[in-house]
Structures are given as structure tokens and as C-alpha cells.
Amino acid sequence: MRYRVGWAVPGRVLALTHFEPIVTEPDFAAIMADTSAALATVGGPFHLLIDNRLIADQTITSLDMILHALPQLERSPLRWIAVVLPDAIKHAAAALPPQRRGEIRLKHVASLAAAFEQLASVDVGLNPGQVDQAFFEPAPAE
């Protein structure tokens, strides 16, 4: 499995995690399809956690880039996006200001723990302990 898209906290935190350093065109198309399928199940406000720790590309993804790639997010009740920067540039997270478009905000963070903390800080009903940590680990090889 090269990536995983799904609910790390059912109905509250939609997550994308990568298990390979390169995102291929077929990966991106599948990620878009999986994200659309998950969005079809949204019942209320939610957050998005993008785990880019293993990504080789050192581009800092902006909110505009995310919304351009997945325009359906802008029509959803998405509230916050936490993007974990690739390990090679995670040191830059602290200097990056939050971004906003309408009701959607984005914050770059240096780690999964920081992403969980960020989302819990903006959603009083969300506890970092609710996050399925196993979601972010690759499935064992068969």
C-alpha cells in the first residue's frame, strides 16, 4: 500500500498518509477518488490531516494548492487542515503562519503529535487520544 485515505477519527478527522516518498500520477488519481468517496459520508464539520512525513518533494503545500487539487473540499464543511511537513523540512513548520480561505484554515506542523494537538486545540470535542494511531502505520506485508 502506497498511501491510505480514511477517517482517523470517524466523521471528525479525515486523514491521508503516505508510505512511499514519491506520489505517482496513479497514486494522486486514487487519492482524489478515495477522498471524494470519504467526503460523500460527511455529516458535519470535520478536519483534514495530511501526513507528508515520508514525501521526498520538499514543496510546502499551500491551502490554495490543496483546494485547487481537491475542489470538493471547498464545498464541504471542512474547517481545519493540518499538514505534517516532510521530515527534511519539518523545521520550517514553526515559521509558517496559518492560512485561511473562507471557513477553511491550514496549519503546517512538524509531527503527527503536533497535528493532533493542533486539531484538538481548535475543536473542543476532539481529543488526540481518539485518533487511530494505527492508521498512520503501513499494513504488515502479507
N, C-alpha and C. Protein backbone atom coordinates (compact mmCIF):
# COMPACT_ATOMS: atom_id res chain seq x y z
N MET A 1 0.84 -1.16 0.00
CA MET A 1 0.00 0.00 0.00
C MET A 1 0.89 1.24 0.00
N ARG A 2 0.64 2.14 -0.93
CA ARG A 2 1.47 3.33 -1.08
C ARG A 2 0.96 4.51 -0.26
N TYR A 3 -0.33 4.49 0.08
CA TYR A 3 -0.94 5.58 0.84
C TYR A 3 -2.22 5.04 1.48
N ARG A 4 -2.80 5.84 2.35
CA ARG A 4 -4.10 5.48 2.93
C ARG A 4 -4.90 6.77 3.09
N VAL A 5 -6.18 6.72 2.71
CA VAL A 5 -7.13 7.80 2.94
C VAL A 5 -8.28 7.21 3.73
N GLY A 6 -8.70 7.89 4.77
CA GLY A 6 -9.84 7.42 5.55
C GLY A 6 -10.02 8.25 6.80
N TRP A 7 -10.94 7.79 7.63
CA TRP A 7 -11.29 8.52 8.85
C TRP A 7 -10.41 8.06 10.01
N ALA A 8 -9.48 8.90 10.42
CA ALA A 8 -8.63 8.59 11.58
C ALA A 8 -9.44 8.78 12.87
N VAL A 9 -10.44 9.65 12.83
CA VAL A 9 -11.48 9.77 13.86
C VAL A 9 -12.77 9.81 13.06
N PRO A 10 -13.60 8.78 13.17
CA PRO A 10 -14.80 8.70 12.34
C PRO A 10 -15.65 9.97 12.34
N GLY A 11 -15.85 10.50 11.10
CA GLY A 11 -16.67 11.68 10.92
C GLY A 11 -16.07 12.98 11.38
N ARG A 12 -14.86 12.94 11.95
CA ARG A 12 -14.25 14.16 12.51
C ARG A 12 -12.91 14.52 11.88
N VAL A 13 -12.06 13.50 11.66
CA VAL A 13 -10.72 13.75 11.10
C VAL A 13 -10.49 12.81 9.93
N LEU A 14 -10.56 13.38 8.74
CA LEU A 14 -10.22 12.65 7.53
C LEU A 14 -8.71 12.74 7.38
N ALA A 15 -8.06 11.64 7.05
CA ALA A 15 -6.60 11.64 7.00
C ALA A 15 -6.08 11.02 5.72
N LEU A 16 -4.94 11.53 5.30
CA LEU A 16 -4.18 10.98 4.19
C LEU A 16 -2.77 10.79 4.71
N THR A 17 -2.26 9.58 4.57
CA THR A 17 -0.87 9.32 4.94
C THR A 17 -0.19 8.60 3.79
N HIS A 18 1.07 8.93 3.59
CA HIS A 18 1.87 8.34 2.51
C HIS A 18 2.86 7.35 3.10
N PHE A 19 3.05 6.23 2.40
CA PHE A 19 4.02 5.22 2.83
C PHE A 19 5.20 5.11 1.87
N GLU A 20 5.19 5.91 0.82
CA GLU A 20 6.27 5.94 -0.17
C GLU A 20 6.69 7.39 -0.38
N PRO A 21 7.97 7.65 -0.69
CA PRO A 21 8.43 9.03 -0.83
C PRO A 21 7.97 9.73 -2.12
N ILE A 22 7.57 8.97 -3.12
CA ILE A 22 7.15 9.56 -4.39
C ILE A 22 5.66 9.30 -4.58
N VAL A 23 4.91 10.37 -4.90
CA VAL A 23 3.49 10.25 -5.22
C VAL A 23 3.38 10.23 -6.74
N THR A 24 2.93 9.10 -7.27
CA THR A 24 2.81 8.95 -8.72
C THR A 24 1.48 9.51 -9.21
N GLU A 25 1.37 9.67 -10.52
CA GLU A 25 0.10 10.12 -11.10
C GLU A 25 -1.04 9.17 -10.74
N PRO A 26 -0.85 7.83 -10.86
CA PRO A 26 -1.93 6.93 -10.44
C PRO A 26 -2.25 7.05 -8.95
N ASP A 27 -1.23 7.28 -8.11
CA ASP A 27 -1.48 7.49 -6.68
C ASP A 27 -2.38 8.71 -6.49
N PHE A 28 -2.03 9.80 -7.16
CA PHE A 28 -2.77 11.05 -6.98
C PHE A 28 -4.23 10.87 -7.43
N ALA A 29 -4.44 10.20 -8.56
CA ALA A 29 -5.80 9.96 -9.04
C ALA A 29 -6.58 9.11 -8.04
N ALA A 30 -5.94 8.11 -7.47
CA ALA A 30 -6.61 7.24 -6.49
C ALA A 30 -6.88 8.00 -5.19
N ILE A 31 -5.95 8.85 -4.78
CA ILE A 31 -6.15 9.67 -3.58
C ILE A 31 -7.36 10.58 -3.77
N MET A 32 -7.47 11.19 -4.94
CA MET A 32 -8.61 12.06 -5.22
C MET A 32 -9.92 11.27 -5.16
N ALA A 33 -9.94 10.08 -5.75
CA ALA A 33 -11.15 9.25 -5.73
C ALA A 33 -11.50 8.81 -4.31
N ASP A 34 -10.50 8.39 -3.56
CA ASP A 34 -10.75 7.95 -2.18
C ASP A 34 -11.23 9.11 -1.30
N THR A 35 -10.67 10.29 -1.53
CA THR A 35 -11.10 11.47 -0.77
C THR A 35 -12.54 11.82 -1.11
N SER A 36 -12.89 11.77 -2.39
CA SER A 36 -14.27 12.05 -2.80
C SER A 36 -15.23 11.06 -2.16
N ALA A 37 -14.85 9.78 -2.12
CA ALA A 37 -15.71 8.77 -1.51
C ALA A 37 -15.89 9.06 -0.01
N ALA A 38 -14.83 9.44 0.67
CA ALA A 38 -14.93 9.76 2.10
C ALA A 38 -15.80 10.99 2.31
N LEU A 39 -15.66 11.99 1.45
CA LEU A 39 -16.45 13.21 1.59
C LEU A 39 -17.94 12.94 1.41
N ALA A 40 -18.27 11.91 0.66
CA ALA A 40 -19.68 11.56 0.46
C ALA A 40 -20.33 11.10 1.76
N THR A 41 -19.53 10.75 2.75
CA THR A 41 -20.06 10.26 4.03
C THR A 41 -20.06 11.33 5.12
N VAL A 42 -19.62 12.55 4.80
CA VAL A 42 -19.50 13.61 5.80
C VAL A 42 -20.88 14.04 6.26
N GLY A 43 -21.05 14.11 7.58
CA GLY A 43 -22.32 14.54 8.14
C GLY A 43 -22.27 15.90 8.79
N GLY A 44 -21.09 16.43 9.01
CA GLY A 44 -20.95 17.73 9.67
C GLY A 44 -19.52 18.21 9.58
N PRO A 45 -19.20 19.27 10.30
CA PRO A 45 -17.85 19.81 10.24
C PRO A 45 -16.79 18.75 10.56
N PHE A 46 -15.70 18.83 9.84
CA PHE A 46 -14.60 17.88 10.02
C PHE A 46 -13.29 18.57 9.72
N HIS A 47 -12.20 17.85 9.98
CA HIS A 47 -10.85 18.36 9.74
C HIS A 47 -10.11 17.36 8.84
N LEU A 48 -9.04 17.84 8.22
CA LEU A 48 -8.22 17.01 7.35
C LEU A 48 -6.80 17.02 7.88
N LEU A 49 -6.21 15.84 8.00
CA LEU A 49 -4.82 15.71 8.42
C LEU A 49 -4.07 15.07 7.25
N ILE A 50 -3.08 15.77 6.74
CA ILE A 50 -2.26 15.25 5.64
C ILE A 50 -0.87 14.96 6.20
N ASP A 51 -0.50 13.69 6.16
CA ASP A 51 0.77 13.22 6.70
C ASP A 51 1.77 13.08 5.56
N ASN A 52 2.64 14.09 5.40
CA ASN A 52 3.64 14.09 4.34
C ASN A 52 5.04 13.79 4.86
N ARG A 53 5.15 13.17 6.04
CA ARG A 53 6.48 12.94 6.65
C ARG A 53 7.44 12.24 5.70
N LEU A 54 6.97 11.26 4.95
CA LEU A 54 7.86 10.46 4.11
C LEU A 54 8.02 10.99 2.69
N ILE A 55 7.33 12.05 2.34
CA ILE A 55 7.36 12.56 0.97
C ILE A 55 8.74 13.17 0.66
N ALA A 56 9.27 12.81 -0.50
CA ALA A 56 10.58 13.32 -0.91
C ALA A 56 10.52 14.77 -1.39
N ASP A 57 9.42 15.16 -2.01
CA ASP A 57 9.25 16.52 -2.52
C ASP A 57 9.26 17.48 -1.33
N GLN A 58 10.05 18.52 -1.42
CA GLN A 58 10.18 19.45 -0.31
C GLN A 58 9.36 20.73 -0.52
N THR A 59 8.37 20.65 -1.40
CA THR A 59 7.47 21.78 -1.62
C THR A 59 6.54 21.92 -0.42
N ILE A 60 6.38 23.13 0.06
CA ILE A 60 5.41 23.39 1.13
C ILE A 60 4.06 23.61 0.47
N THR A 61 3.17 22.69 0.70
CA THR A 61 1.85 22.72 0.07
C THR A 61 1.00 23.81 0.71
N SER A 62 0.49 24.71 -0.13
CA SER A 62 -0.35 25.79 0.38
C SER A 62 -1.82 25.37 0.39
N LEU A 63 -2.62 26.15 1.08
CA LEU A 63 -4.06 25.91 1.09
C LEU A 63 -4.62 26.03 -0.32
N ASP A 64 -4.18 27.01 -1.08
CA ASP A 64 -4.65 27.17 -2.46
C ASP A 64 -4.33 25.94 -3.30
N MET A 65 -3.14 25.37 -3.11
CA MET A 65 -2.76 24.17 -3.87
C MET A 65 -3.68 23.00 -3.53
N ILE A 66 -3.98 22.83 -2.25
CA ILE A 66 -4.84 21.73 -1.82
C ILE A 66 -6.25 21.90 -2.38
N LEU A 67 -6.79 23.12 -2.28
CA LEU A 67 -8.14 23.36 -2.76
C LEU A 67 -8.23 23.30 -4.28
N HIS A 68 -7.16 23.63 -4.96
CA HIS A 68 -7.14 23.50 -6.42
C HIS A 68 -7.14 22.02 -6.82
N ALA A 69 -6.37 21.21 -6.11
CA ALA A 69 -6.29 19.78 -6.42
C ALA A 69 -7.57 19.04 -6.03
N LEU A 70 -8.21 19.46 -4.95
CA LEU A 70 -9.42 18.81 -4.45
C LEU A 70 -10.50 19.86 -4.22
N PRO A 71 -11.08 20.39 -5.30
CA PRO A 71 -12.04 21.50 -5.16
C PRO A 71 -13.28 21.12 -4.35
N GLN A 72 -13.59 19.84 -4.25
CA GLN A 72 -14.76 19.43 -3.47
C GLN A 72 -14.58 19.76 -1.99
N LEU A 73 -13.35 19.93 -1.54
CA LEU A 73 -13.12 20.31 -0.15
C LEU A 73 -13.72 21.67 0.16
N GLU A 74 -13.69 22.57 -0.81
CA GLU A 74 -14.20 23.92 -0.59
C GLU A 74 -15.73 23.94 -0.44
N ARG A 75 -16.38 22.93 -0.97
CA ARG A 75 -17.84 22.84 -0.88
C ARG A 75 -18.29 21.94 0.27
N SER A 76 -17.36 21.53 1.10
CA SER A 76 -17.64 20.64 2.22
C SER A 76 -17.60 21.43 3.52
N PRO A 77 -18.02 20.81 4.63
CA PRO A 77 -17.92 21.50 5.92
C PRO A 77 -16.53 21.36 6.57
N LEU A 78 -15.49 21.34 5.74
CA LEU A 78 -14.11 21.28 6.23
C LEU A 78 -13.78 22.54 7.02
N ARG A 79 -13.13 22.38 8.16
CA ARG A 79 -12.76 23.52 8.98
C ARG A 79 -11.25 23.73 9.03
N TRP A 80 -10.49 22.73 9.42
CA TRP A 80 -9.04 22.88 9.55
C TRP A 80 -8.32 21.77 8.79
N ILE A 81 -7.17 22.13 8.23
CA ILE A 81 -6.26 21.17 7.63
C ILE A 81 -4.94 21.29 8.38
N ALA A 82 -4.44 20.17 8.87
CA ALA A 82 -3.10 20.12 9.47
C ALA A 82 -2.23 19.32 8.52
N VAL A 83 -1.17 19.93 8.02
CA VAL A 83 -0.25 19.26 7.10
C VAL A 83 1.07 19.02 7.82
N VAL A 84 1.43 17.74 7.96
CA VAL A 84 2.73 17.38 8.54
C VAL A 84 3.75 17.50 7.42
N LEU A 85 4.71 18.39 7.61
CA LEU A 85 5.72 18.61 6.57
C LEU A 85 6.64 17.40 6.42
N PRO A 86 7.22 17.23 5.22
CA PRO A 86 8.20 16.17 5.03
C PRO A 86 9.33 16.31 6.06
N ASP A 87 9.86 15.18 6.48
CA ASP A 87 10.90 15.19 7.51
C ASP A 87 12.06 16.13 7.19
N ALA A 88 12.43 16.22 5.90
CA ALA A 88 13.58 17.04 5.52
C ALA A 88 13.35 18.53 5.76
N ILE A 89 12.10 18.97 5.83
CA ILE A 89 11.82 20.41 6.01
C ILE A 89 10.91 20.69 7.21
N LYS A 90 10.73 19.71 8.07
CA LYS A 90 9.80 19.89 9.19
C LYS A 90 10.20 21.05 10.10
N HIS A 91 11.49 21.39 10.11
CA HIS A 91 11.97 22.52 10.93
C HIS A 91 11.33 23.84 10.51
N ALA A 92 10.81 23.93 9.29
CA ALA A 92 10.21 25.16 8.78
C ALA A 92 8.80 25.40 9.30
N ALA A 93 8.18 24.40 9.89
CA ALA A 93 6.78 24.49 10.30
C ALA A 93 6.51 25.66 11.25
N ALA A 94 7.37 25.84 12.22
CA ALA A 94 7.13 26.87 13.24
C ALA A 94 7.07 28.28 12.65
N ALA A 95 7.76 28.49 11.54
CA ALA A 95 7.81 29.83 10.95
C ALA A 95 6.67 30.10 9.97
N LEU A 96 5.89 29.09 9.66
CA LEU A 96 4.83 29.26 8.67
C LEU A 96 3.53 29.68 9.34
N PRO A 97 2.96 30.80 8.91
CA PRO A 97 1.70 31.25 9.52
C PRO A 97 0.53 30.41 9.02
N PRO A 98 -0.55 30.36 9.80
CA PRO A 98 -1.75 29.67 9.31
C PRO A 98 -2.28 30.38 8.05
N GLN A 99 -2.97 29.61 7.22
CA GLN A 99 -3.57 30.16 6.01
C GLN A 99 -5.08 30.01 6.14
N ARG A 100 -5.82 30.86 5.41
CA ARG A 100 -7.27 30.81 5.50
C ARG A 100 -7.92 31.14 4.17
N ARG A 101 -8.98 30.40 3.87
CA ARG A 101 -9.86 30.74 2.76
C ARG A 101 -11.28 30.43 3.25
N GLY A 102 -12.08 31.46 3.43
CA GLY A 102 -13.42 31.27 3.96
C GLY A 102 -13.36 30.64 5.34
N GLU A 103 -14.09 29.55 5.51
CA GLU A 103 -14.11 28.85 6.80
C GLU A 103 -12.97 27.86 6.96
N ILE A 104 -12.20 27.64 5.90
CA ILE A 104 -11.14 26.63 5.92
C ILE A 104 -9.81 27.28 6.30
N ARG A 105 -9.14 26.64 7.25
CA ARG A 105 -7.82 27.11 7.68
C ARG A 105 -6.82 25.97 7.56
N LEU A 106 -5.56 26.35 7.32
CA LEU A 106 -4.49 25.37 7.20
C LEU A 106 -3.35 25.75 8.14
N LYS A 107 -2.79 24.75 8.78
CA LYS A 107 -1.60 24.94 9.63
C LYS A 107 -0.59 23.86 9.29
N HIS A 108 0.65 24.25 9.01
CA HIS A 108 1.74 23.31 8.79
C HIS A 108 2.33 22.95 10.15
N VAL A 109 2.64 21.69 10.34
CA VAL A 109 3.20 21.22 11.61
C VAL A 109 4.39 20.30 11.33
N ALA A 110 5.16 20.02 12.38
CA ALA A 110 6.39 19.24 12.24
C ALA A 110 6.22 17.75 12.52
N SER A 111 5.09 17.36 13.13
CA SER A 111 4.93 15.95 13.52
C SER A 111 3.46 15.57 13.59
N LEU A 112 3.22 14.28 13.64
CA LEU A 112 1.84 13.81 13.82
C LEU A 112 1.29 14.28 15.16
N ALA A 113 2.09 14.21 16.20
CA ALA A 113 1.64 14.66 17.52
C ALA A 113 1.22 16.13 17.47
N ALA A 114 2.00 16.95 16.78
CA ALA A 114 1.66 18.37 16.65
C ALA A 114 0.37 18.55 15.84
N ALA A 115 0.15 17.70 14.84
CA ALA A 115 -1.09 17.77 14.06
C ALA A 115 -2.29 17.44 14.94
N PHE A 116 -2.18 16.38 15.74
CA PHE A 116 -3.27 16.00 16.64
C PHE A 116 -3.55 17.13 17.63
N GLU A 117 -2.48 17.71 18.18
CA GLU A 117 -2.64 18.81 19.14
C GLU A 117 -3.29 20.02 18.49
N GLN A 118 -2.88 20.34 17.27
CA GLN A 118 -3.45 21.49 16.55
C GLN A 118 -4.95 21.29 16.36
N LEU A 119 -5.35 20.13 15.89
CA LEU A 119 -6.77 19.88 15.65
C LEU A 119 -7.57 19.88 16.95
N ALA A 120 -7.01 19.31 17.99
CA ALA A 120 -7.70 19.30 19.29
C ALA A 120 -7.81 20.72 19.86
N SER A 121 -6.85 21.58 19.53
CA SER A 121 -6.89 22.96 20.06
C SER A 121 -7.99 23.79 19.41
N VAL A 122 -8.45 23.40 18.23
CA VAL A 122 -9.48 24.17 17.52
C VAL A 122 -10.84 23.48 17.55
N ASP A 123 -10.89 22.27 18.10
CA ASP A 123 -12.14 21.50 18.17
C ASP A 123 -12.23 20.94 19.59
N VAL A 124 -12.98 21.63 20.43
CA VAL A 124 -13.01 21.27 21.85
C VAL A 124 -13.52 19.85 22.10
N GLY A 125 -14.27 19.29 21.17
CA GLY A 125 -14.78 17.93 21.34
C GLY A 125 -13.82 16.86 20.88
N LEU A 126 -12.69 17.26 20.34
CA LEU A 126 -11.73 16.30 19.79
C LEU A 126 -10.58 16.11 20.78
N ASN A 127 -10.29 14.86 21.06
CA ASN A 127 -9.20 14.50 21.97
C ASN A 127 -8.15 13.77 21.14
N PRO A 128 -6.87 14.16 21.22
CA PRO A 128 -5.84 13.45 20.45
C PRO A 128 -5.86 11.94 20.67
N GLY A 129 -6.32 11.50 21.82
CA GLY A 129 -6.40 10.07 22.10
C GLY A 129 -7.45 9.34 21.27
N GLN A 130 -8.37 10.09 20.63
CA GLN A 130 -9.38 9.49 19.77
C GLN A 130 -8.81 9.06 18.42
N VAL A 131 -7.67 9.62 18.05
CA VAL A 131 -7.09 9.36 16.73
C VAL A 131 -6.56 7.93 16.66
N ASP A 132 -6.94 7.24 15.61
CA ASP A 132 -6.47 5.87 15.39
C ASP A 132 -5.01 5.94 14.91
N GLN A 133 -4.07 5.77 15.83
CA GLN A 133 -2.64 5.86 15.51
C GLN A 133 -2.22 4.82 14.47
N ALA A 134 -2.87 3.66 14.48
CA ALA A 134 -2.52 2.60 13.53
C ALA A 134 -2.80 3.02 12.10
N PHE A 135 -3.69 3.98 11.91
CA PHE A 135 -3.99 4.48 10.57
C PHE A 135 -2.73 4.96 9.87
N PHE A 136 -1.78 5.48 10.62
CA PHE A 136 -0.58 6.10 10.05
C PHE A 136 0.60 5.14 9.92
N GLU A 137 0.36 3.88 10.19
CA GLU A 137 1.40 2.86 10.04
C GLU A 137 1.07 1.95 8.85
N PRO A 138 2.08 1.60 8.06
CA PRO A 138 1.79 0.72 6.91
C PRO A 138 1.29 -0.64 7.39
N ALA A 139 0.39 -1.22 6.59
CA ALA A 139 -0.12 -2.55 6.90
C ALA A 139 1.02 -3.55 6.79
N PRO A 140 1.03 -4.57 7.63
CA PRO A 140 2.09 -5.59 7.55
C PRO A 140 2.06 -6.30 6.18
N ALA A 141 3.22 -6.60 5.68
CA ALA A 141 3.31 -7.32 4.40
C ALA A 141 2.75 -8.72 4.55
N GLU A 142 2.04 -9.15 3.52
CA GLU A 142 1.44 -10.50 3.57
C GLU A 142 2.35 -11.50 2.89
